[in-house]
Amino acid sequence: MIVVGLGWQKAALASNALELVVGSLEKAGVPVPAYIAAPDFKKEDILPQAVAEMLGAEVLWINPLALRQMQACCQTFSTTVSQHVGVASVAEACALAGAGQGSFLRLPRQAFCGVTCAVAEGD
């Protein structure tokens, strides 16, 4: 199962997120994901749902505990993000948590126009 994890700034556009996700999937050499995983502390934002709908995927909302538990598996560390949301890697942690036990990053954090994404694969 392929899962794309997303992180984004408040002003980010869904069109930019879609462009980043599509390019990242191509770079990783994987098909359209089953899920777009996003932090549930941003549930009020429509960006992940818009991207998921354009890809024919579903949104998985990842809770803060799962984000924290995945930090040791992440390849990217952002002090700024850590200070703002309490974890140093959002997109990678979302992707890994969404893909489940034994998941691994097919593509680490990519960034474009205020959006980050990572691609994970799991069972």
PDB file of N, CA and C in Angstrom:
ATOM      1  N   MET A   1       0.839  -1.171   0.000  1.00  0.00           N
ATOM      2  CA  MET A   1       0.000   0.000   0.000  1.00  0.00           C
ATOM      3  C   MET A   1       0.891   1.243   0.000  1.00  0.00           C
ATOM      4  N   ILE A   2       0.585   2.166  -0.878  1.00  0.00           N
ATOM      5  CA  ILE A   2       1.315   3.435  -0.973  1.00  0.00           C
ATOM      6  C   ILE A   2       0.520   4.517  -0.246  1.00  0.00           C
ATOM      7  N   VAL A   3       1.222   5.291   0.582  1.00  0.00           N
ATOM      8  CA  VAL A   3       0.608   6.401   1.315  1.00  0.00           C
ATOM      9  C   VAL A   3       1.478   7.634   1.130  1.00  0.00           C
ATOM     10  N   VAL A   4       0.838   8.754   0.822  1.00  0.00           N
ATOM     11  CA  VAL A   4       1.533  10.036   0.741  1.00  0.00           C
ATOM     12  C   VAL A   4       1.201  10.827   1.995  1.00  0.00           C
ATOM     13  N   GLY A   5       2.231  11.254   2.705  1.00  0.00           N
ATOM     14  CA  GLY A   5       2.054  12.114   3.866  1.00  0.00           C
ATOM     15  C   GLY A   5       2.194  13.561   3.447  1.00  0.00           C
ATOM     16  N   LEU A   6       1.340  14.411   4.000  1.00  0.00           N
ATOM     17  CA  LEU A   6       1.368  15.836   3.666  1.00  0.00           C
ATOM     18  C   LEU A   6       1.601  16.699   4.895  1.00  0.00           C
ATOM     19  N   GLY A   7       2.298  17.800   4.677  1.00  0.00           N
ATOM     20  CA  GLY A   7       2.413  18.894   5.622  1.00  0.00           C
ATOM     21  C   GLY A   7       2.261  20.162   4.806  1.00  0.00           C
ATOM     22  N   TRP A   8       1.756  21.236   5.392  1.00  0.00           N
ATOM     23  CA  TRP A   8       1.567  22.453   4.607  1.00  0.00           C
ATOM     24  C   TRP A   8       1.405  23.664   5.503  1.00  0.00           C
ATOM     25  N   GLN A   9       1.746  24.798   4.929  1.00  0.00           N
ATOM     26  CA  GLN A   9       1.524  26.077   5.587  1.00  0.00           C
ATOM     27  C   GLN A   9       0.090  26.517   5.317  1.00  0.00           C
ATOM     28  N   LYS A  10      -0.416  27.355   6.184  1.00  0.00           N
ATOM     29  CA  LYS A  10      -1.818  27.778   6.106  1.00  0.00           C
ATOM     30  C   LYS A  10      -2.198  28.351   4.739  1.00  0.00           C
ATOM     31  N   ALA A  11      -1.315  29.102   4.107  1.00  0.00           N
ATOM     32  CA  ALA A  11      -1.634  29.753   2.828  1.00  0.00           C
ATOM     33  C   ALA A  11      -1.377  28.866   1.610  1.00  0.00           C
ATOM     34  N   ALA A  12      -0.967  27.625   1.813  1.00  0.00           N
ATOM     35  CA  ALA A  12      -0.647  26.738   0.686  1.00  0.00           C
ATOM     36  C   ALA A  12      -1.887  26.446  -0.155  1.00  0.00           C
ATOM     37  N   LEU A  13      -1.655  26.248  -1.438  1.00  0.00           N
ATOM     38  CA  LEU A  13      -2.743  25.978  -2.382  1.00  0.00           C
ATOM     39  C   LEU A  13      -2.819  24.492  -2.709  1.00  0.00           C
ATOM     40  N   ALA A  14      -4.038  23.997  -2.861  1.00  0.00           N
ATOM     41  CA  ALA A  14      -4.240  22.590  -3.224  1.00  0.00           C
ATOM     42  C   ALA A  14      -3.608  22.278  -4.576  1.00  0.00           C
ATOM     43  N   SER A  15      -3.629  23.235  -5.499  1.00  0.00           N
ATOM     44  CA  SER A  15      -3.033  22.992  -6.820  1.00  0.00           C
ATOM     45  C   SER A  15      -1.529  22.766  -6.703  1.00  0.00           C
ATOM     46  N   ASN A  16      -0.864  23.513  -5.821  1.00  0.00           N
ATOM     47  CA  ASN A  16       0.570  23.303  -5.600  1.00  0.00           C
ATOM     48  C   ASN A  16       0.824  21.971  -4.904  1.00  0.00           C
ATOM     49  N   ALA A  17      -0.046  21.618  -3.968  1.00  0.00           N
ATOM     50  CA  ALA A  17       0.091  20.332  -3.281  1.00  0.00           C
ATOM     51  C   ALA A  17      -0.059  19.186  -4.273  1.00  0.00           C
ATOM     52  N   LEU A  18      -1.035  19.290  -5.156  1.00  0.00           N
ATOM     53  CA  LEU A  18      -1.243  18.246  -6.162  1.00  0.00           C
ATOM     54  C   LEU A  18      -0.025  18.126  -7.073  1.00  0.00           C
ATOM     55  N   GLU A  19       0.514  19.258  -7.503  1.00  0.00           N
ATOM     56  CA  GLU A  19       1.704  19.243  -8.364  1.00  0.00           C
ATOM     57  C   GLU A  19       2.875  18.552  -7.661  1.00  0.00           C
ATOM     58  N   LEU A  20       3.068  18.871  -6.390  1.00  0.00           N
ATOM     59  CA  LEU A  20       4.148  18.249  -5.621  1.00  0.00           C
ATOM     60  C   LEU A  20       3.918  16.748  -5.466  1.00  0.00           C
ATOM     61  N   VAL A  21       2.707  16.358  -5.135  1.00  0.00           N
ATOM     62  CA  VAL A  21       2.403  14.936  -4.934  1.00  0.00           C
ATOM     63  C   VAL A  21       2.599  14.148  -6.224  1.00  0.00           C
ATOM     64  N   VAL A  22       2.076  14.644  -7.325  1.00  0.00           N
ATOM     65  CA  VAL A  22       2.212  13.940  -8.605  1.00  0.00           C
ATOM     66  C   VAL A  22       3.689  13.800  -8.984  1.00  0.00           C
ATOM     67  N   GLY A  23       4.451  14.873  -8.842  1.00  0.00           N
ATOM     68  CA  GLY A  23       5.884  14.815  -9.139  1.00  0.00           C
ATOM     69  C   GLY A  23       6.625  13.864  -8.218  1.00  0.00           C
ATOM     70  N   SER A  24       6.237  13.829  -6.963  1.00  0.00           N
ATOM     71  CA  SER A  24       6.883  12.938  -5.995  1.00  0.00           C
ATOM     72  C   SER A  24       6.571  11.476  -6.290  1.00  0.00           C
ATOM     73  N   LEU A  25       5.337  11.198  -6.684  1.00  0.00           N
ATOM     74  CA  LEU A  25       4.967   9.823  -7.046  1.00  0.00           C
ATOM     75  C   LEU A  25       5.771   9.357  -8.255  1.00  0.00           C
ATOM     76  N   GLU A  26       5.930  10.251  -9.232  1.00  0.00           N
ATOM     77  CA  GLU A  26       6.738   9.914 -10.413  1.00  0.00           C
ATOM     78  C   GLU A  26       8.187   9.657 -10.018  1.00  0.00           C
ATOM     79  N   LYS A  27       8.727  10.532  -9.168  1.00  0.00           N
ATOM     80  CA  LYS A  27      10.116  10.387  -8.720  1.00  0.00           C
ATOM     81  C   LYS A  27      10.319   9.078  -7.953  1.00  0.00           C
ATOM     82  N   ALA A  28       9.329   8.698  -7.151  1.00  0.00           N
ATOM     83  CA  ALA A  28       9.416   7.462  -6.368  1.00  0.00           C
ATOM     84  C   ALA A  28       9.125   6.223  -7.213  1.00  0.00           C
ATOM     85  N   GLY A  29       8.553   6.433  -8.402  1.00  0.00           N
ATOM     86  CA  GLY A  29       8.231   5.313  -9.277  1.00  0.00           C
ATOM     87  C   GLY A  29       7.105   4.442  -8.760  1.00  0.00           C
ATOM     88  N   VAL A  30       6.114   5.080  -8.140  1.00  0.00           N
ATOM     89  CA  VAL A  30       4.990   4.336  -7.560  1.00  0.00           C
ATOM     90  C   VAL A  30       3.668   4.836  -8.143  1.00  0.00           C
ATOM     91  N   PRO A  31       2.623   4.007  -8.050  1.00  0.00           N
ATOM     92  CA  PRO A  31       1.315   4.407  -8.571  1.00  0.00           C
ATOM     93  C   PRO A  31       0.616   5.402  -7.648  1.00  0.00           C
ATOM     94  N   VAL A  32      -0.551   5.828  -8.070  1.00  0.00           N
ATOM     95  CA  VAL A  32      -1.381   6.724  -7.257  1.00  0.00           C
ATOM     96  C   VAL A  32      -1.617   6.061  -5.899  1.00  0.00           C
ATOM     97  N   PRO A  33      -1.514   6.825  -4.823  1.00  0.00           N
ATOM     98  CA  PRO A  33      -1.640   6.229  -3.494  1.00  0.00           C
ATOM     99  C   PRO A  33      -3.079   5.857  -3.144  1.00  0.00           C
ATOM    100  N   ALA A  34      -3.194   4.916  -2.222  1.00  0.00           N
ATOM    101  CA  ALA A  34      -4.505   4.574  -1.677  1.00  0.00           C
ATOM    102  C   ALA A  34      -4.968   5.673  -0.729  1.00  0.00           C
ATOM    103  N   TYR A  35      -3.998   6.296  -0.048  1.00  0.00           N
ATOM    104  CA  TYR A  35      -4.330   7.280   0.981  1.00  0.00           C
ATOM    105  C   TYR A  35      -3.414   8.498   0.938  1.00  0.00           C
ATOM    106  N   ILE A  36      -3.991   9.623   1.334  1.00  0.00           N
ATOM    107  CA  ILE A  36      -3.253  10.838   1.651  1.00  0.00           C
ATOM    108  C   ILE A  36      -3.342  10.961   3.165  1.00  0.00           C
ATOM    109  N   ALA A  37      -2.207  10.948   3.847  1.00  0.00           N
ATOM    110  CA  ALA A  37      -2.182  11.029   5.307  1.00  0.00           C
ATOM    111  C   ALA A  37      -1.811  12.446   5.729  1.00  0.00           C
ATOM    112  N   ALA A  38      -2.585  12.983   6.656  1.00  0.00           N
ATOM    113  CA  ALA A  38      -2.387  14.361   7.095  1.00  0.00           C
ATOM    114  C   ALA A  38      -2.566  14.441   8.611  1.00  0.00           C
ATOM    115  N   PRO A  39      -1.933  15.426   9.245  1.00  0.00           N
ATOM    116  CA  PRO A  39      -2.046  15.553  10.700  1.00  0.00           C
ATOM    117  C   PRO A  39      -3.452  15.986  11.103  1.00  0.00           C
ATOM    118  N   ASP A  40      -4.013  15.314  12.102  1.00  0.00           N
ATOM    119  CA  ASP A  40      -5.391  15.650  12.453  1.00  0.00           C
ATOM    120  C   ASP A  40      -5.541  16.992  13.152  1.00  0.00           C
ATOM    121  N   PHE A  41      -4.411  17.617  13.539  1.00  0.00           N
ATOM    122  CA  PHE A  41      -4.528  18.964  14.093  1.00  0.00           C
ATOM    123  C   PHE A  41      -4.823  19.998  13.005  1.00  0.00           C
ATOM    124  N   LYS A  42      -4.851  19.564  11.739  1.00  0.00           N
ATOM    125  CA  LYS A  42      -5.217  20.451  10.628  1.00  0.00           C
ATOM    126  C   LYS A  42      -6.499  19.970   9.944  1.00  0.00           C
ATOM    127  N   LYS A  43      -7.335  19.266  10.675  1.00  0.00           N
ATOM    128  CA  LYS A  43      -8.555  18.685  10.107  1.00  0.00           C
ATOM    129  C   LYS A  43      -9.498  19.717   9.503  1.00  0.00           C
ATOM    130  N   GLU A  44      -9.435  20.943   9.980  1.00  0.00           N
ATOM    131  CA  GLU A  44     -10.335  21.981   9.461  1.00  0.00           C
ATOM    132  C   GLU A  44      -9.919  22.472   8.076  1.00  0.00           C
ATOM    133  N   ASP A  45      -8.731  22.139   7.642  1.00  0.00           N
ATOM    134  CA  ASP A  45      -8.220  22.592   6.347  1.00  0.00           C
ATOM    135  C   ASP A  45      -8.679  21.639   5.242  1.00  0.00           C
ATOM    136  N   ILE A  46      -9.085  22.188   4.120  1.00  0.00           N
ATOM    137  CA  ILE A  46      -9.604  21.362   3.019  1.00  0.00           C
ATOM    138  C   ILE A  46      -8.516  20.837   2.083  1.00  0.00           C
ATOM    139  N   LEU A  47      -7.287  21.295   2.227  1.00  0.00           N
ATOM    140  CA  LEU A  47      -6.225  20.936   1.287  1.00  0.00           C
ATOM    141  C   LEU A  47      -6.054  19.424   1.101  1.00  0.00           C
ATOM    142  N   PRO A  48      -5.914  18.624   2.162  1.00  0.00           N
ATOM    143  CA  PRO A  48      -5.702  17.191   1.919  1.00  0.00           C
ATOM    144  C   PRO A  48      -6.898  16.515   1.255  1.00  0.00           C
ATOM    145  N   GLN A  49      -8.105  16.929   1.613  1.00  0.00           N
ATOM    146  CA  GLN A  49      -9.291  16.338   0.988  1.00  0.00           C
ATOM    147  C   GLN A  49      -9.344  16.686  -0.496  1.00  0.00           C
ATOM    148  N   ALA A  50      -8.985  17.922  -0.833  1.00  0.00           N
ATOM    149  CA  ALA A  50      -8.980  18.340  -2.241  1.00  0.00           C
ATOM    150  C   ALA A  50      -7.965  17.523  -3.039  1.00  0.00           C
ATOM    151  N   VAL A  51      -6.776  17.332  -2.491  1.00  0.00           N
ATOM    152  CA  VAL A  51      -5.743  16.547  -3.176  1.00  0.00           C
ATOM    153  C   VAL A  51      -6.196  15.095  -3.316  1.00  0.00           C
ATOM    154  N   ALA A  52      -6.734  14.539  -2.249  1.00  0.00           N
ATOM    155  CA  ALA A  52      -7.196  13.148  -2.288  1.00  0.00           C
ATOM    156  C   ALA A  52      -8.273  12.957  -3.350  1.00  0.00           C
ATOM    157  N   GLU A  53      -9.217  13.870  -3.415  1.00  0.00           N
ATOM    158  CA  GLU A  53     -10.291  13.761  -4.410  1.00  0.00           C
ATOM    159  C   GLU A  53      -9.741  13.815  -5.828  1.00  0.00           C
ATOM    160  N   MET A  54      -8.759  14.691  -6.066  1.00  0.00           N
ATOM    161  CA  MET A  54      -8.180  14.803  -7.406  1.00  0.00           C
ATOM    162  C   MET A  54      -7.412  13.540  -7.803  1.00  0.00           C
ATOM    163  N   LEU A  55      -6.934  12.788  -6.817  1.00  0.00           N
ATOM    164  CA  LEU A  55      -6.173  11.561  -7.087  1.00  0.00           C
ATOM    165  C   LEU A  55      -7.020  10.292  -6.982  1.00  0.00           C
ATOM    166  N   GLY A  56      -8.238  10.436  -6.496  1.00  0.00           N
ATOM    167  CA  GLY A  56      -9.069   9.256  -6.269  1.00  0.00           C
ATOM    168  C   GLY A  56      -8.618   8.462  -5.050  1.00  0.00           C
ATOM    169  N   ALA A  57      -8.044   9.154  -4.077  1.00  0.00           N
ATOM    170  CA  ALA A  57      -7.557   8.524  -2.845  1.00  0.00           C
ATOM    171  C   ALA A  57      -8.454   8.939  -1.677  1.00  0.00           C
ATOM    172  N   GLU A  58      -8.181   8.367  -0.517  1.00  0.00           N
ATOM    173  CA  GLU A  58      -8.893   8.721   0.705  1.00  0.00           C
ATOM    174  C   GLU A  58      -7.933   9.437   1.647  1.00  0.00           C
ATOM    175  N   VAL A  59      -8.491  10.240   2.562  1.00  0.00           N
ATOM    176  CA  VAL A  59      -7.669  10.929   3.558  1.00  0.00           C
ATOM    177  C   VAL A  59      -7.625  10.102   4.839  1.00  0.00           C
ATOM    178  N   LEU A  60      -6.430   9.949   5.369  1.00  0.00           N
ATOM    179  CA  LEU A  60      -6.218   9.359   6.692  1.00  0.00           C
ATOM    180  C   LEU A  60      -5.749  10.484   7.605  1.00  0.00           C
ATOM    181  N   TRP A  61      -6.432  10.699   8.704  1.00  0.00           N
ATOM    182  CA  TRP A  61      -6.019  11.725   9.659  1.00  0.00           C
ATOM    183  C   TRP A  61      -5.149  11.061  10.723  1.00  0.00           C
ATOM    184  N   ILE A  62      -3.954  11.579  10.898  1.00  0.00           N
ATOM    185  CA  ILE A  62      -2.975  10.987  11.814  1.00  0.00           C
ATOM    186  C   ILE A  62      -2.926  11.797  13.110  1.00  0.00           C
ATOM    187  N   ASN A  63      -3.092  11.105  14.238  1.00  0.00           N
ATOM    188  CA  ASN A  63      -3.136  11.804  15.524  1.00  0.00           C
ATOM    189  C   ASN A  63      -1.729  12.155  16.021  1.00  0.00           C
ATOM    190  N   PRO A  64      -1.643  13.109  16.948  1.00  0.00           N
ATOM    191  CA  PRO A  64      -0.337  13.569  17.435  1.00  0.00           C
ATOM    192  C   PRO A  64       0.532  12.463  18.043  1.00  0.00           C
ATOM    193  N   LEU A  65      -0.073  11.509  18.743  1.00  0.00           N
ATOM    194  CA  LEU A  65       0.710  10.421  19.327  1.00  0.00           C
ATOM    195  C   LEU A  65       1.396   9.600  18.237  1.00  0.00           C
ATOM    196  N   ALA A  66       0.671   9.271  17.188  1.00  0.00           N
ATOM    197  CA  ALA A  66       1.256   8.512  16.071  1.00  0.00           C
ATOM    198  C   ALA A  66       2.369   9.311  15.399  1.00  0.00           C
ATOM    199  N   LEU A  67       2.185  10.623  15.264  1.00  0.00           N
ATOM    200  CA  LEU A  67       3.235  11.473  14.686  1.00  0.00           C
ATOM    201  C   LEU A  67       4.501  11.411  15.539  1.00  0.00           C
ATOM    202  N   ARG A  68       4.327  11.516  16.848  1.00  0.00           N
ATOM    203  CA  ARG A  68       5.489  11.468  17.751  1.00  0.00           C
ATOM    204  C   ARG A  68       6.178  10.101  17.687  1.00  0.00           C
ATOM    205  N   GLN A  69       5.391   9.036  17.629  1.00  0.00           N
ATOM    206  CA  GLN A  69       5.969   7.694  17.606  1.00  0.00           C
ATOM    207  C   GLN A  69       6.786   7.430  16.343  1.00  0.00           C
ATOM    208  N   MET A  70       6.487   8.112  15.266  1.00  0.00           N
ATOM    209  CA  MET A  70       7.187   7.891  13.997  1.00  0.00           C
ATOM    210  C   MET A  70       8.451   8.731  13.841  1.00  0.00           C
ATOM    211  N   GLN A  71       8.702   9.677  14.727  1.00  0.00           N
ATOM    212  CA  GLN A  71       9.815  10.610  14.553  1.00  0.00           C
ATOM    213  C   GLN A  71      11.166   9.910  14.411  1.00  0.00           C
ATOM    214  N   ALA A  72      11.387   8.835  15.142  1.00  0.00           N
ATOM    215  CA  ALA A  72      12.676   8.131  15.066  1.00  0.00           C
ATOM    216  C   ALA A  72      12.907   7.495  13.699  1.00  0.00           C
ATOM    217  N   CYS A  73      11.844   7.278  12.949  1.00  0.00           N
ATOM    218  CA  CYS A  73      11.953   6.656  11.616  1.00  0.00           C
ATOM    219  C   CYS A  73      12.085   7.690  10.499  1.00  0.00           C
ATOM    220  N   CYS A  74      11.931   8.953  10.840  1.00  0.00           N
ATOM    221  CA  CYS A  74      11.952  10.018   9.832  1.00  0.00           C
ATOM    222  C   CYS A  74      13.381  10.408   9.471  1.00  0.00           C
ATOM    223  N   GLN A  75      13.569  10.840   8.242  1.00  0.00           N
ATOM    224  CA  GLN A  75      14.883  11.255   7.758  1.00  0.00           C
ATOM    225  C   GLN A  75      15.091  12.761   7.847  1.00  0.00           C
ATOM    226  N   THR A  76      14.013  13.503   8.031  1.00  0.00           N
ATOM    227  CA  THR A  76      14.082  14.962   8.027  1.00  0.00           C
ATOM    228  C   THR A  76      13.774  15.504   9.418  1.00  0.00           C
ATOM    229  N   PHE A  77      14.537  16.517   9.832  1.00  0.00           N
ATOM    230  CA  PHE A  77      14.312  17.168  11.118  1.00  0.00           C
ATOM    231  C   PHE A  77      14.265  18.667  10.899  1.00  0.00           C
ATOM    232  N   SER A  78      13.150  19.285  11.252  1.00  0.00           N
ATOM    233  CA  SER A  78      13.012  20.731  11.139  1.00  0.00           C
ATOM    234  C   SER A  78      12.786  21.324  12.522  1.00  0.00           C
ATOM    235  N   THR A  79      13.748  22.111  12.981  1.00  0.00           N
ATOM    236  CA  THR A  79      13.617  22.769  14.273  1.00  0.00           C
ATOM    237  C   THR A  79      12.419  23.705  14.277  1.00  0.00           C
ATOM    238  N   THR A  80      12.220  24.425  13.190  1.00  0.00           N
ATOM    239  CA  THR A  80      11.103  25.369  13.092  1.00  0.00           C
ATOM    240  C   THR A  80       9.767  24.649  13.221  1.00  0.00           C
ATOM    241  N   VAL A  81       9.601  23.566  12.480  1.00  0.00           N
ATOM    242  CA  VAL A  81       8.351  22.799  12.546  1.00  0.00           C
ATOM    243  C   VAL A  81       8.170  22.234  13.949  1.00  0.00           C
ATOM    244  N   SER A  82       9.236  21.736  14.537  1.00  0.00           N
ATOM    245  CA  SER A  82       9.167  21.184  15.888  1.00  0.00           C
ATOM    246  C   SER A  82       8.676  22.223  16.891  1.00  0.00           C
ATOM    247  N   GLN A  83       9.158  23.450  16.764  1.00  0.00           N
ATOM    248  CA  GLN A  83       8.743  24.518  17.668  1.00  0.00           C
ATOM    249  C   GLN A  83       7.273  24.889  17.483  1.00  0.00           C
ATOM    250  N   HIS A  84       6.773  24.773  16.265  1.00  0.00           N
ATOM    251  CA  HIS A  84       5.389  25.170  15.988  1.00  0.00           C
ATOM    252  C   HIS A  84       4.361  24.076  16.265  1.00  0.00           C
ATOM    253  N   VAL A  85       4.697  22.830  15.947  1.00  0.00           N
ATOM    254  CA  VAL A  85       3.681  21.772  16.066  1.00  0.00           C
ATOM    255  C   VAL A  85       4.076  20.625  16.995  1.00  0.00           C
ATOM    256  N   GLY A  86       5.291  20.646  17.527  1.00  0.00           N
ATOM    257  CA  GLY A  86       5.685  19.636  18.498  1.00  0.00           C
ATOM    258  C   GLY A  86       6.338  18.388  17.936  1.00  0.00           C
ATOM    259  N   VAL A  87       6.427  18.283  16.623  1.00  0.00           N
ATOM    260  CA  VAL A  87       7.171  17.193  15.980  1.00  0.00           C
ATOM    261  C   VAL A  87       8.041  17.806  14.893  1.00  0.00           C
ATOM    262  N   ALA A  88       9.172  17.177  14.615  1.00  0.00           N
ATOM    263  CA  ALA A  88      10.140  17.756  13.686  1.00  0.00           C
ATOM    264  C   ALA A  88       9.906  17.370  12.239  1.00  0.00           C
ATOM    265  N   SER A  89       9.094  16.355  12.011  1.00  0.00           N
ATOM    266  CA  SER A  89       8.806  15.918  10.648  1.00  0.00           C
ATOM    267  C   SER A  89       7.335  15.535  10.562  1.00  0.00           C
ATOM    268  N   VAL A  90       6.573  16.286   9.793  1.00  0.00           N
ATOM    269  CA  VAL A  90       5.138  16.023   9.667  1.00  0.00           C
ATOM    270  C   VAL A  90       4.848  15.104   8.488  1.00  0.00           C
ATOM    271  N   ALA A  91       5.295  15.467   7.299  1.00  0.00           N
ATOM    272  CA  ALA A  91       4.958  14.691   6.098  1.00  0.00           C
ATOM    273  C   ALA A  91       5.473  13.256   6.183  1.00  0.00           C
ATOM    274  N   GLU A  92       6.734  13.093   6.580  1.00  0.00           N
ATOM    275  CA  GLU A  92       7.291  11.742   6.679  1.00  0.00           C
ATOM    276  C   GLU A  92       6.580  10.926   7.748  1.00  0.00           C
ATOM    277  N   ALA A  93       6.328  11.532   8.899  1.00  0.00           N
ATOM    278  CA  ALA A  93       5.641  10.818   9.981  1.00  0.00           C
ATOM    279  C   ALA A  93       4.226  10.431   9.575  1.00  0.00           C
ATOM    280  N   CYS A  94       3.527  11.320   8.881  1.00  0.00           N
ATOM    281  CA  CYS A  94       2.178  10.997   8.406  1.00  0.00           C
ATOM    282  C   CYS A  94       2.212   9.823   7.434  1.00  0.00           C
ATOM    283  N   ALA A  95       3.138   9.861   6.491  1.00  0.00           N
ATOM    284  CA  ALA A  95       3.239   8.782   5.504  1.00  0.00           C
ATOM    285  C   ALA A  95       3.528   7.447   6.180  1.00  0.00           C
ATOM    286  N   LEU A  96       4.492   7.433   7.086  1.00  0.00           N
ATOM    287  CA  LEU A  96       4.870   6.196   7.766  1.00  0.00           C
ATOM    288  C   LEU A  96       3.751   5.669   8.662  1.00  0.00           C
ATOM    289  N   ALA A  97       3.134   6.561   9.429  1.00  0.00           N
ATOM    290  CA  ALA A  97       2.034   6.138  10.302  1.00  0.00           C
ATOM    291  C   ALA A  97       0.863   5.615   9.476  1.00  0.00           C
ATOM    292  N   GLY A  98       0.569   6.291   8.386  1.00  0.00           N
ATOM    293  CA  GLY A  98      -0.538   5.873   7.530  1.00  0.00           C
ATOM    294  C   GLY A  98      -0.304   4.541   6.855  1.00  0.00           C
ATOM    295  N   ALA A  99       0.949   4.241   6.532  1.00  0.00           N
ATOM    296  CA  ALA A  99       1.277   2.986   5.846  1.00  0.00           C
ATOM    297  C   ALA A  99       1.354   1.802   6.807  1.00  0.00           C
ATOM    298  N   GLY A 100       1.421   2.061   8.099  1.00  0.00           N
ATOM    299  CA  GLY A 100       1.331   0.994   9.089  1.00  0.00           C
ATOM    300  C   GLY A 100       2.637   0.321   9.451  1.00  0.00           C
ATOM    301  N   GLN A 101       2.503  -0.775  10.219  1.00  0.00           N
ATOM    302  CA  GLN A 101       3.659  -1.536  10.708  1.00  0.00           C
ATOM    303  C   GLN A 101       4.555  -1.966   9.550  1.00  0.00           C
ATOM    304  N   GLY A 102       5.845  -1.859   9.762  1.00  0.00           N
ATOM    305  CA  GLY A 102       6.802  -2.296   8.752  1.00  0.00           C
ATOM    306  C   GLY A 102       6.914  -1.368   7.556  1.00  0.00           C
ATOM    307  N   SER A 103       6.324  -0.193   7.647  1.00  0.00           N
ATOM    308  CA  SER A 103       6.381   0.739   6.514  1.00  0.00           C
ATOM    309  C   SER A 103       7.774   1.343   6.389  1.00  0.00           C
ATOM    310  N   PHE A 104       8.058   1.843   5.208  1.00  0.00           N
ATOM    311  CA  PHE A 104       9.341   2.497   4.956  1.00  0.00           C
ATOM    312  C   PHE A 104       9.123   3.630   3.957  1.00  0.00           C
ATOM    313  N   LEU A 105      10.033   4.588   3.974  1.00  0.00           N
ATOM    314  CA  LEU A 105       9.937   5.723   3.051  1.00  0.00           C
ATOM    315  C   LEU A 105      10.432   5.324   1.669  1.00  0.00           C
ATOM    316  N   ARG A 106       9.588   5.483   0.682  1.00  0.00           N
ATOM    317  CA  ARG A 106      10.003   5.312  -0.716  1.00  0.00           C
ATOM    318  C   ARG A 106      10.632   6.609  -1.206  1.00  0.00           C
ATOM    319  N   LEU A 107      10.173   7.733  -0.651  1.00  0.00           N
ATOM    320  CA  LEU A 107      10.713   9.044  -1.004  1.00  0.00           C
ATOM    321  C   LEU A 107      10.602   9.933   0.229  1.00  0.00           C
ATOM    322  N   PRO A 108      11.741  10.441   0.737  1.00  0.00           N
ATOM    323  CA  PRO A 108      11.678  11.333   1.894  1.00  0.00           C
ATOM    324  C   PRO A 108      11.071  12.682   1.513  1.00  0.00           C
ATOM    325  N   ARG A 109      10.989  13.526   2.486  1.00  0.00           N
ATOM    326  CA  ARG A 109      10.350  14.834   2.371  1.00  0.00           C
ATOM    327  C   ARG A 109      10.771  15.592   1.109  1.00  0.00           C
ATOM    328  N   GLN A 110       9.753  16.063   0.394  1.00  0.00           N
ATOM    329  CA  GLN A 110       9.919  16.948  -0.755  1.00  0.00           C
ATOM    330  C   GLN A 110       9.148  18.222  -0.420  1.00  0.00           C
ATOM    331  N   ALA A 111       9.564  19.354  -0.940  1.00  0.00           N
ATOM    332  CA  ALA A 111       8.893  20.611  -0.611  1.00  0.00           C
ATOM    333  C   ALA A 111       8.682  21.460  -1.853  1.00  0.00           C
ATOM    334  N   PHE A 112       7.550  22.185  -1.855  1.00  0.00           N
ATOM    335  CA  PHE A 112       7.212  23.067  -2.973  1.00  0.00           C
ATOM    336  C   PHE A 112       6.119  24.032  -2.527  1.00  0.00           C
ATOM    337  N   CYS A 113       6.386  25.309  -2.622  1.00  0.00           N
ATOM    338  CA  CYS A 113       5.377  26.356  -2.391  1.00  0.00           C
ATOM    339  C   CYS A 113       4.588  26.178  -1.094  1.00  0.00           C
ATOM    340  N   GLY A 114       5.280  25.926   0.000  1.00  0.00           N
ATOM    341  CA  GLY A 114       4.611  25.823   1.293  1.00  0.00           C
ATOM    342  C   GLY A 114       3.972  24.481   1.587  1.00  0.00           C
ATOM    343  N   VAL A 115       4.267  23.488   0.760  1.00  0.00           N
ATOM    344  CA  VAL A 115       3.733  22.136   0.967  1.00  0.00           C
ATOM    345  C   VAL A 115       4.906  21.166   1.060  1.00  0.00           C
ATOM    346  N   THR A 116       4.787  20.182   1.939  1.00  0.00           N
ATOM    347  CA  THR A 116       5.758  19.092   1.981  1.00  0.00           C
ATOM    348  C   THR A 116       5.011  17.776   1.802  1.00  0.00           C
ATOM    349  N   CYS A 117       5.691  16.820   1.212  1.00  0.00           N
ATOM    350  CA  CYS A 117       5.105  15.484   1.113  1.00  0.00           C
ATOM    351  C   CYS A 117       6.211  14.452   1.185  1.00  0.00           C
ATOM    352  N   ALA A 118       5.828  13.252   1.553  1.00  0.00           N
ATOM    353  CA  ALA A 118       6.723  12.100   1.585  1.00  0.00           C
ATOM    354  C   ALA A 118       5.900  10.896   1.157  1.00  0.00           C
ATOM    355  N   VAL A 119       6.573   9.911   0.583  1.00  0.00           N
ATOM    356  CA  VAL A 119       5.887   8.715   0.098  1.00  0.00           C
ATOM    357  C   VAL A 119       6.387   7.510   0.884  1.00  0.00           C
ATOM    358  N   ALA A 120       5.442   6.756   1.459  1.00  0.00           N
ATOM    359  CA  ALA A 120       5.783   5.548   2.210  1.00  0.00           C
ATOM    360  C   ALA A 120       5.056   4.349   1.622  1.00  0.00           C
ATOM    361  N   GLU A 121       5.627   3.189   1.886  1.00  0.00           N
ATOM    362  CA  GLU A 121       4.997   1.942   1.467  1.00  0.00           C
ATOM    363  C   GLU A 121       4.904   1.020   2.667  1.00  0.00           C
ATOM    364  N   GLY A 122       3.794   0.343   2.777  1.00  0.00           N
ATOM    365  CA  GLY A 122       3.584  -0.602   3.873  1.00  0.00           C
ATOM    366  C   GLY A 122       2.657  -1.717   3.443  1.00  0.00           C
ATOM    367  N   ASP A 123       2.364  -2.584   4.382  1.00  0.00           N
ATOM    368  CA  ASP A 123       1.503  -3.741   4.088  1.00  0.00           C
ATOM    369  C   ASP A 123       0.052  -3.363   3.883  1.00  0.00           C
TER     370      ASP A 123
END
